[in-house]
Amino acid sequence: MTNIADQKTDFLKGTLDMLVLKVVALGPIHGYAISQRIQQISRDFFSVQQGSLYPALHRLEDRGWLQAEWKPTETGREAKFYSLTRKGRKQLEAELRNWEQITAAVGLILATAE
């Protein structure tokens, strides 16, 4: 039997792109802040490690869903700030529709009487 940390990691792998797109849709944000925001919004359920986050950001940028520019952070250091492109917004909408269908289908199965 797998432990809860492994289950969270496996789940996060399958949904990380959608979660990143959703957080970036809130406004331009740098990578470290994206991981903090996901952890904060999920009430510490998800912890996105740099080894997962930065490859995801590069993948989303390569697909044209995110654009990035270097700007100073609150601390004055330069960081790459990501924002959603029009193509990224369409992808997020598609991912959210798909997520709603998945959760509805799982809910139907779980609601089935034994």
Protein backbone atom coordinates (compact mmCIF):
# COMPACT_ATOMS: atom_id res chain seq x y z
CA MET A 1 0.00 0.00 0.00
CA THR A 2 1.33 3.45 -0.93
CA ASN A 3 1.54 6.19 1.64
CA ILE A 4 -0.36 9.48 1.44
CA ALA A 5 2.75 11.44 0.38
CA ASP A 6 3.21 9.16 -2.65
CA GLN A 7 -0.48 9.49 -3.51
CA LYS A 8 -0.29 13.29 -3.30
CA THR A 9 2.83 13.31 -5.51
CA ASP A 10 1.19 11.06 -8.12
CA PHE A 11 -1.97 13.17 -8.09
CA LEU A 12 0.00 16.39 -8.36
CA LYS A 13 1.92 15.08 -11.40
CA GLY A 14 -1.36 14.63 -13.25
CA THR A 15 -2.77 18.04 -12.35
CA LEU A 16 0.28 20.28 -11.97
CA ASP A 17 -0.12 22.00 -15.36
CA MET A 18 -3.73 22.89 -14.60
CA LEU A 19 -2.88 24.18 -11.11
CA VAL A 20 0.00 26.29 -12.43
CA LEU A 21 -2.18 27.75 -15.20
CA LYS A 22 -4.88 28.59 -12.65
CA VAL A 23 -2.44 30.32 -10.28
CA VAL A 24 -0.79 32.27 -13.11
CA ALA A 25 -4.25 33.31 -14.37
CA LEU A 26 -4.57 35.37 -11.17
CA GLY A 27 -1.78 37.67 -12.37
CA PRO A 28 1.94 37.74 -13.24
CA ILE A 29 3.92 35.70 -10.74
CA HIS A 30 7.40 34.21 -10.39
CA GLY A 31 8.14 30.51 -9.97
CA TYR A 32 8.84 30.42 -6.25
CA ALA A 33 5.64 32.39 -5.57
CA ILE A 34 3.68 29.91 -7.71
CA SER A 35 4.79 27.02 -5.49
CA GLN A 36 4.02 29.06 -2.35
CA ARG A 37 0.57 30.02 -3.67
CA ILE A 38 -0.32 26.40 -4.53
CA GLN A 39 0.76 25.30 -1.05
CA GLN A 40 -1.11 28.17 0.60
CA ILE A 41 -4.36 27.76 -1.37
CA SER A 42 -4.33 23.98 -0.85
CA ARG A 43 -3.87 24.57 2.89
CA ASP A 44 -0.50 22.81 2.80
CA PHE A 45 -1.91 19.71 1.07
CA PHE A 46 0.32 20.19 -1.99
CA SER A 47 3.99 21.07 -1.84
CA VAL A 48 5.45 21.64 -5.31
CA GLN A 49 9.17 20.96 -5.44
CA GLN A 50 11.46 22.95 -7.74
CA GLY A 51 12.32 19.74 -9.59
CA SER A 52 8.69 19.46 -10.69
CA LEU A 53 7.73 23.12 -10.97
CA TYR A 54 10.45 24.50 -13.23
CA PRO A 55 10.20 21.75 -15.86
CA ALA A 56 6.42 22.33 -15.87
CA LEU A 57 6.89 26.08 -16.32
CA HIS A 58 9.30 25.51 -19.22
CA ARG A 59 6.90 22.99 -20.79
CA LEU A 60 3.96 25.42 -20.51
CA GLU A 61 6.06 28.22 -21.94
CA ASP A 62 7.21 25.99 -24.85
CA ARG A 63 3.57 25.18 -25.61
CA GLY A 64 2.76 28.89 -25.77
CA TRP A 65 0.47 28.79 -22.74
CA LEU A 66 2.71 31.00 -20.60
CA GLN A 67 4.93 33.94 -21.42
CA ALA A 68 7.72 35.13 -19.18
CA GLU A 69 9.73 38.26 -18.58
CA TRP A 70 12.48 39.14 -16.14
CA LYS A 71 11.49 41.70 -13.52
CA PRO A 72 12.59 42.63 -10.00
CA THR A 73 10.84 40.88 -7.11
CA GLU A 74 9.68 42.47 -3.87
CA THR A 75 13.19 41.85 -2.51
CA GLY A 76 14.81 43.60 -5.49
CA ARG A 77 16.22 40.41 -7.03
CA GLU A 78 15.51 39.62 -10.67
CA ALA A 79 13.09 36.76 -11.33
CA LYS A 80 11.21 35.39 -14.30
CA PHE A 81 7.55 36.40 -14.00
CA TYR A 82 5.01 34.24 -15.81
CA SER A 83 1.69 35.33 -17.24
CA LEU A 84 -1.02 33.49 -19.12
CA THR A 85 -1.26 33.87 -22.89
CA ARG A 86 -4.54 33.82 -24.81
CA LYS A 87 -3.71 30.24 -25.83
CA GLY A 88 -3.00 29.43 -22.17
CA ARG A 89 -6.36 30.84 -21.08
CA LYS A 90 -8.12 28.60 -23.63
CA GLN A 91 -6.11 25.61 -22.39
CA LEU A 92 -7.02 26.39 -18.78
CA GLU A 93 -10.71 26.57 -19.70
CA ALA A 94 -10.42 23.17 -21.45
CA GLU A 95 -8.59 21.67 -18.47
CA LEU A 96 -11.22 23.00 -16.06
CA ARG A 97 -14.06 21.55 -18.16
CA ASN A 98 -12.25 18.21 -18.24
CA TRP A 99 -11.66 18.35 -14.48
CA GLU A 100 -15.37 19.01 -13.87
CA GLN A 101 -16.29 15.99 -16.02
CA ILE A 102 -13.77 13.77 -14.20
CA THR A 103 -14.92 14.81 -10.73
CA ALA A 104 -18.59 14.42 -11.69
CA ALA A 105 -17.94 10.90 -13.03
CA VAL A 106 -15.95 9.91 -9.93
CA GLY A 107 -18.70 11.38 -7.74
CA LEU A 108 -21.30 9.23 -9.52
CA ILE A 109 -19.24 6.10 -8.94
CA LEU A 110 -18.60 6.93 -5.28
CA ALA A 111 -22.30 7.68 -4.71
CA THR A 112 -23.29 4.21 -5.93
CA ALA A 113 -24.88 2.17 -3.15
CA GLU A 114 -23.06 -1.01 -2.15
